[in-house]
Amino acid sequence: MSRKTTRGKPMEFLLDQAKRRGSAAFTIPYDRQALADYLGVERSAMSAEIGKRKKAGRGA
């Protein structure tokens, strides 16, 4: 992963998944803890960032 921030890593992952699936709508293949572990970020911080984007209507 090229982005090194708690915000950047999940967003890069989500953009990559959307690109691979050819759709902005897809199921994330991990629960939040597994995704946080995979990305190497704290689950609570990652969840907060995803929640912010979801509330703002920008995906996740």
C-alpha atoms as a PDB file:
ATOM      1  CA  MET A   1       0.000   0.000   0.000  1.00  0.00           C
ATOM      2  CA  SER A   2       1.445   3.332  -0.979  1.00  0.00           C
ATOM      3  CA  ARG A   3      -0.615   5.522   1.344  1.00  0.00           C
ATOM      4  CA  LYS A   4       0.686   5.464   4.879  1.00  0.00           C
ATOM      5  CA  THR A   5      -2.126   7.103   6.841  1.00  0.00           C
ATOM      6  CA  THR A   6      -5.084   5.647   8.687  1.00  0.00           C
ATOM      7  CA  ARG A   7      -7.313   7.520   6.238  1.00  0.00           C
ATOM      8  CA  GLY A   8      -5.295   6.661   3.143  1.00  0.00           C
ATOM      9  CA  LYS A   9      -4.925   2.923   3.596  1.00  0.00           C
ATOM     10  CA  PRO A  10      -8.648   2.070   3.833  1.00  0.00           C
ATOM     11  CA  MET A  11      -9.526   4.438   0.989  1.00  0.00           C
ATOM     12  CA  GLU A  12      -6.811   2.995  -1.244  1.00  0.00           C
ATOM     13  CA  PHE A  13      -8.072  -0.513  -0.447  1.00  0.00           C
ATOM     14  CA  LEU A  14     -11.690   0.431  -1.221  1.00  0.00           C
ATOM     15  CA  LEU A  15     -10.768   2.160  -4.482  1.00  0.00           C
ATOM     16  CA  ASP A  16      -8.712  -0.867  -5.520  1.00  0.00           C
ATOM     17  CA  GLN A  17     -11.583  -3.244  -4.732  1.00  0.00           C
ATOM     18  CA  ALA A  18     -14.046  -1.096  -6.714  1.00  0.00           C
ATOM     19  CA  LYS A  19     -11.654  -1.039  -9.660  1.00  0.00           C
ATOM     20  CA  ARG A  20     -11.109  -4.816  -9.546  1.00  0.00           C
ATOM     21  CA  ARG A  21     -14.842  -5.492  -9.396  1.00  0.00           C
ATOM     22  CA  GLY A  22     -15.749  -2.840 -11.961  1.00  0.00           C
ATOM     23  CA  SER A  23     -18.335  -1.313  -9.643  1.00  0.00           C
ATOM     24  CA  ALA A  24     -18.511   1.174  -6.799  1.00  0.00           C
ATOM     25  CA  ALA A  25     -20.897  -1.212  -4.998  1.00  0.00           C
ATOM     26  CA  PHE A  26     -19.294  -4.346  -3.575  1.00  0.00           C
ATOM     27  CA  THR A  27     -19.011  -6.399  -0.405  1.00  0.00           C
ATOM     28  CA  ILE A  28     -15.837  -5.951   1.619  1.00  0.00           C
ATOM     29  CA  PRO A  29     -14.369  -9.445   2.077  1.00  0.00           C
ATOM     30  CA  TYR A  30     -13.331  -8.822   5.704  1.00  0.00           C
ATOM     31  CA  ASP A  31     -14.943  -7.786   8.966  1.00  0.00           C
ATOM     32  CA  ARG A  32     -13.630  -4.472  10.327  1.00  0.00           C
ATOM     33  CA  GLN A  33     -11.034  -6.039  12.633  1.00  0.00           C
ATOM     34  CA  ALA A  34      -9.653  -8.293   9.895  1.00  0.00           C
ATOM     35  CA  LEU A  35      -9.501  -5.349   7.475  1.00  0.00           C
ATOM     36  CA  ALA A  36      -7.715  -3.189  10.053  1.00  0.00           C
ATOM     37  CA  ASP A  37      -5.224  -5.996  10.698  1.00  0.00           C
ATOM     38  CA  TYR A  38      -4.684  -6.469   6.947  1.00  0.00           C
ATOM     39  CA  LEU A  39      -4.080  -2.738   6.457  1.00  0.00           C
ATOM     40  CA  GLY A  40      -1.991  -2.349   9.613  1.00  0.00           C
ATOM     41  CA  VAL A  41      -4.183   0.338  11.196  1.00  0.00           C
ATOM     42  CA  GLU A  42      -6.186   0.621  14.419  1.00  0.00           C
ATOM     43  CA  ARG A  43      -9.729  -0.692  13.983  1.00  0.00           C
ATOM     44  CA  SER A  44     -11.389   2.179  15.822  1.00  0.00           C
ATOM     45  CA  ALA A  45      -9.591   4.859  13.793  1.00  0.00           C
ATOM     46  CA  MET A  46     -10.264   3.031  10.533  1.00  0.00           C
ATOM     47  CA  SER A  47     -13.939   2.586  11.409  1.00  0.00           C
ATOM     48  CA  ALA A  48     -14.217   6.289  12.219  1.00  0.00           C
ATOM     49  CA  GLU A  49     -12.714   7.233   8.837  1.00  0.00           C
ATOM     50  CA  ILE A  50     -14.991   4.851   6.938  1.00  0.00           C
ATOM     51  CA  GLY A  51     -17.973   6.175   8.901  1.00  0.00           C
ATOM     52  CA  LYS A  52     -17.063   9.779   8.042  1.00  0.00           C
ATOM     53  CA  ARG A  53     -16.907   8.959   4.332  1.00  0.00           C
ATOM     54  CA  LYS A  54     -20.143   7.009   4.458  1.00  0.00           C
ATOM     55  CA  LYS A  55     -21.929   9.866   6.236  1.00  0.00           C
ATOM     56  CA  ALA A  56     -20.556  12.354   3.703  1.00  0.00           C
ATOM     57  CA  GLY A  57     -21.907  10.159   0.903  1.00  0.00           C
ATOM     58  CA  ARG A  58     -18.506   9.340  -0.545  1.00  0.00           C
ATOM     59  CA  GLY A  59     -18.614   5.601  -0.352  1.00  0.00           C
ATOM     60  CA  ALA A  60     -17.633   2.872   2.041  1.00  0.00           C
END
